[in-house]
Amino acid sequence: MNTTKTIGSFDDQEHQLGPLFKFSLNNGWSGNFGALYGISDSAPDKEYRMTLIFGF
């Protein structure tokens, strides 16, 4: 069983922070996009994400 001692320090984990923008389109489409910035040593400096969702 894992314990909190095996999690590692803050800089051993990937911590990111940044804005996320959500949007809705016609015909059931929606999505979001954002830019994340690393705030710990293990996290990438920049990461961009985009998600498209179709609801049915």
N, C-alpha and C. Protein backbone atom coordinates (compact mmCIF):
# COMPACT_ATOMS: atom_id res chain seq x y z
N MET A 1 0.84 -1.18 0.00
CA MET A 1 0.00 0.00 0.00
C MET A 1 0.89 1.24 0.00
N ASN A 2 0.52 2.22 -0.82
CA ASN A 2 1.29 3.45 -0.89
C ASN A 2 0.95 4.37 0.28
N THR A 3 1.90 5.18 0.64
CA THR A 3 1.69 6.18 1.68
C THR A 3 2.08 7.53 1.12
N THR A 4 1.79 8.57 1.86
CA THR A 4 2.15 9.91 1.39
C THR A 4 3.66 10.11 1.34
N LYS A 5 4.42 9.26 2.00
CA LYS A 5 5.88 9.37 1.95
C LYS A 5 6.42 8.99 0.57
N THR A 6 5.67 8.18 -0.20
CA THR A 6 6.14 7.74 -1.52
C THR A 6 5.69 8.66 -2.65
N ILE A 7 4.91 9.68 -2.35
CA ILE A 7 4.41 10.59 -3.38
C ILE A 7 5.55 11.43 -3.96
N GLY A 8 6.46 11.84 -3.17
CA GLY A 8 7.55 12.68 -3.64
C GLY A 8 7.32 14.14 -3.29
N SER A 9 8.34 14.93 -3.52
CA SER A 9 8.24 16.34 -3.18
C SER A 9 7.45 17.09 -4.26
N PHE A 10 7.20 18.34 -4.00
CA PHE A 10 6.46 19.19 -4.95
C PHE A 10 7.15 19.21 -6.31
N ASP A 11 8.46 19.36 -6.34
CA ASP A 11 9.18 19.44 -7.60
C ASP A 11 9.36 18.09 -8.29
N ASP A 12 9.07 16.99 -7.61
CA ASP A 12 9.10 15.66 -8.23
C ASP A 12 7.80 15.38 -8.99
N GLN A 13 6.77 16.18 -8.77
CA GLN A 13 5.46 16.00 -9.41
C GLN A 13 5.26 17.07 -10.47
N GLU A 14 4.32 16.82 -11.39
CA GLU A 14 4.02 17.79 -12.45
C GLU A 14 2.84 18.66 -12.02
N HIS A 15 3.14 19.90 -11.66
CA HIS A 15 2.11 20.87 -11.28
C HIS A 15 2.07 21.96 -12.34
N GLN A 16 0.84 22.26 -12.83
CA GLN A 16 0.66 23.25 -13.88
C GLN A 16 -0.47 24.20 -13.50
N LEU A 17 -0.42 25.40 -14.07
CA LEU A 17 -1.43 26.41 -13.78
C LEU A 17 -1.68 27.21 -15.05
N GLY A 18 -2.94 27.55 -15.30
CA GLY A 18 -3.23 28.36 -16.48
C GLY A 18 -4.71 28.49 -16.74
N PRO A 19 -5.09 29.37 -17.68
CA PRO A 19 -6.50 29.60 -17.98
C PRO A 19 -7.09 28.53 -18.90
N LEU A 20 -8.40 28.34 -18.78
CA LEU A 20 -9.15 27.42 -19.63
C LEU A 20 -10.38 28.16 -20.15
N PHE A 21 -10.60 28.10 -21.44
CA PHE A 21 -11.74 28.78 -22.07
C PHE A 21 -12.69 27.73 -22.63
N LYS A 22 -13.97 27.79 -22.22
CA LYS A 22 -14.99 26.86 -22.70
C LYS A 22 -15.87 27.57 -23.72
N PHE A 23 -16.35 26.80 -24.72
CA PHE A 23 -17.21 27.37 -25.74
C PHE A 23 -18.24 26.36 -26.19
N SER A 24 -19.35 26.87 -26.74
CA SER A 24 -20.41 26.04 -27.30
C SER A 24 -20.63 26.44 -28.75
N LEU A 25 -20.84 25.44 -29.60
CA LEU A 25 -21.13 25.65 -31.01
C LEU A 25 -22.51 25.09 -31.32
N ASN A 26 -22.95 25.22 -32.57
CA ASN A 26 -24.25 24.69 -32.99
C ASN A 26 -24.21 23.17 -33.11
N ASN A 27 -25.39 22.56 -33.12
CA ASN A 27 -25.58 21.13 -33.38
C ASN A 27 -24.91 20.22 -32.38
N GLY A 28 -24.84 20.62 -31.12
CA GLY A 28 -24.31 19.74 -30.08
C GLY A 28 -22.81 19.76 -29.87
N TRP A 29 -22.09 20.58 -30.58
CA TRP A 29 -20.63 20.65 -30.43
C TRP A 29 -20.26 21.65 -29.34
N SER A 30 -19.26 21.32 -28.55
CA SER A 30 -18.70 22.23 -27.57
C SER A 30 -17.23 21.87 -27.39
N GLY A 31 -16.55 22.60 -26.57
CA GLY A 31 -15.15 22.30 -26.36
C GLY A 31 -14.49 23.28 -25.42
N ASN A 32 -13.19 23.14 -25.33
CA ASN A 32 -12.41 24.05 -24.50
C ASN A 32 -10.97 24.07 -25.01
N PHE A 33 -10.28 25.13 -24.66
CA PHE A 33 -8.85 25.20 -24.94
C PHE A 33 -8.19 26.01 -23.85
N GLY A 34 -6.92 25.74 -23.64
CA GLY A 34 -6.21 26.43 -22.59
C GLY A 34 -4.71 26.35 -22.77
N ALA A 35 -4.02 27.13 -21.98
CA ALA A 35 -2.56 27.15 -21.95
C ALA A 35 -2.13 26.90 -20.51
N LEU A 36 -1.30 25.90 -20.33
CA LEU A 36 -0.82 25.55 -18.99
C LEU A 36 0.66 25.86 -18.89
N TYR A 37 1.06 26.33 -17.74
CA TYR A 37 2.46 26.69 -17.50
C TYR A 37 2.96 25.92 -16.29
N GLY A 38 4.14 25.33 -16.42
CA GLY A 38 4.70 24.52 -15.35
C GLY A 38 5.12 25.38 -14.17
N ILE A 39 4.73 24.94 -12.97
CA ILE A 39 5.12 25.64 -11.76
C ILE A 39 5.99 24.76 -10.85
N SER A 40 6.31 23.56 -11.31
CA SER A 40 7.25 22.70 -10.59
C SER A 40 8.34 22.26 -11.58
N ASP A 41 9.43 21.77 -11.05
CA ASP A 41 10.57 21.39 -11.89
C ASP A 41 10.25 20.26 -12.87
N SER A 42 9.39 19.31 -12.49
CA SER A 42 9.09 18.16 -13.35
C SER A 42 8.07 18.47 -14.44
N ALA A 43 7.33 19.54 -14.31
CA ALA A 43 6.30 19.89 -15.28
C ALA A 43 6.92 20.53 -16.51
N PRO A 44 6.30 20.33 -17.69
CA PRO A 44 6.79 21.04 -18.88
C PRO A 44 6.60 22.55 -18.70
N ASP A 45 7.46 23.34 -19.34
CA ASP A 45 7.36 24.80 -19.21
C ASP A 45 6.03 25.33 -19.74
N LYS A 46 5.60 24.82 -20.91
CA LYS A 46 4.33 25.25 -21.53
C LYS A 46 3.64 24.03 -22.12
N GLU A 47 2.32 24.04 -22.04
CA GLU A 47 1.51 22.98 -22.65
C GLU A 47 0.20 23.58 -23.09
N TYR A 48 -0.20 23.30 -24.33
CA TYR A 48 -1.45 23.81 -24.87
C TYR A 48 -2.39 22.63 -25.10
N ARG A 49 -3.67 22.83 -24.73
CA ARG A 49 -4.65 21.76 -24.88
C ARG A 49 -5.90 22.28 -25.57
N MET A 50 -6.50 21.40 -26.37
CA MET A 50 -7.79 21.70 -26.98
C MET A 50 -8.62 20.43 -27.01
N THR A 51 -9.89 20.56 -26.63
CA THR A 51 -10.80 19.43 -26.61
C THR A 51 -12.08 19.80 -27.36
N LEU A 52 -12.52 18.94 -28.27
CA LEU A 52 -13.80 19.09 -28.96
C LEU A 52 -14.73 17.99 -28.47
N ILE A 53 -15.97 18.34 -28.21
CA ILE A 53 -16.94 17.40 -27.66
C ILE A 53 -18.20 17.46 -28.50
N PHE A 54 -18.72 16.28 -28.85
CA PHE A 54 -20.00 16.20 -29.56
C PHE A 54 -20.98 15.45 -28.67
N GLY A 55 -22.04 16.11 -28.26
CA GLY A 55 -23.06 15.47 -27.43
C GLY A 55 -24.19 14.92 -28.29
N PHE A 56 -24.61 13.70 -27.98
CA PHE A 56 -25.72 13.10 -28.73
C PHE A 56 -26.67 12.42 -27.80
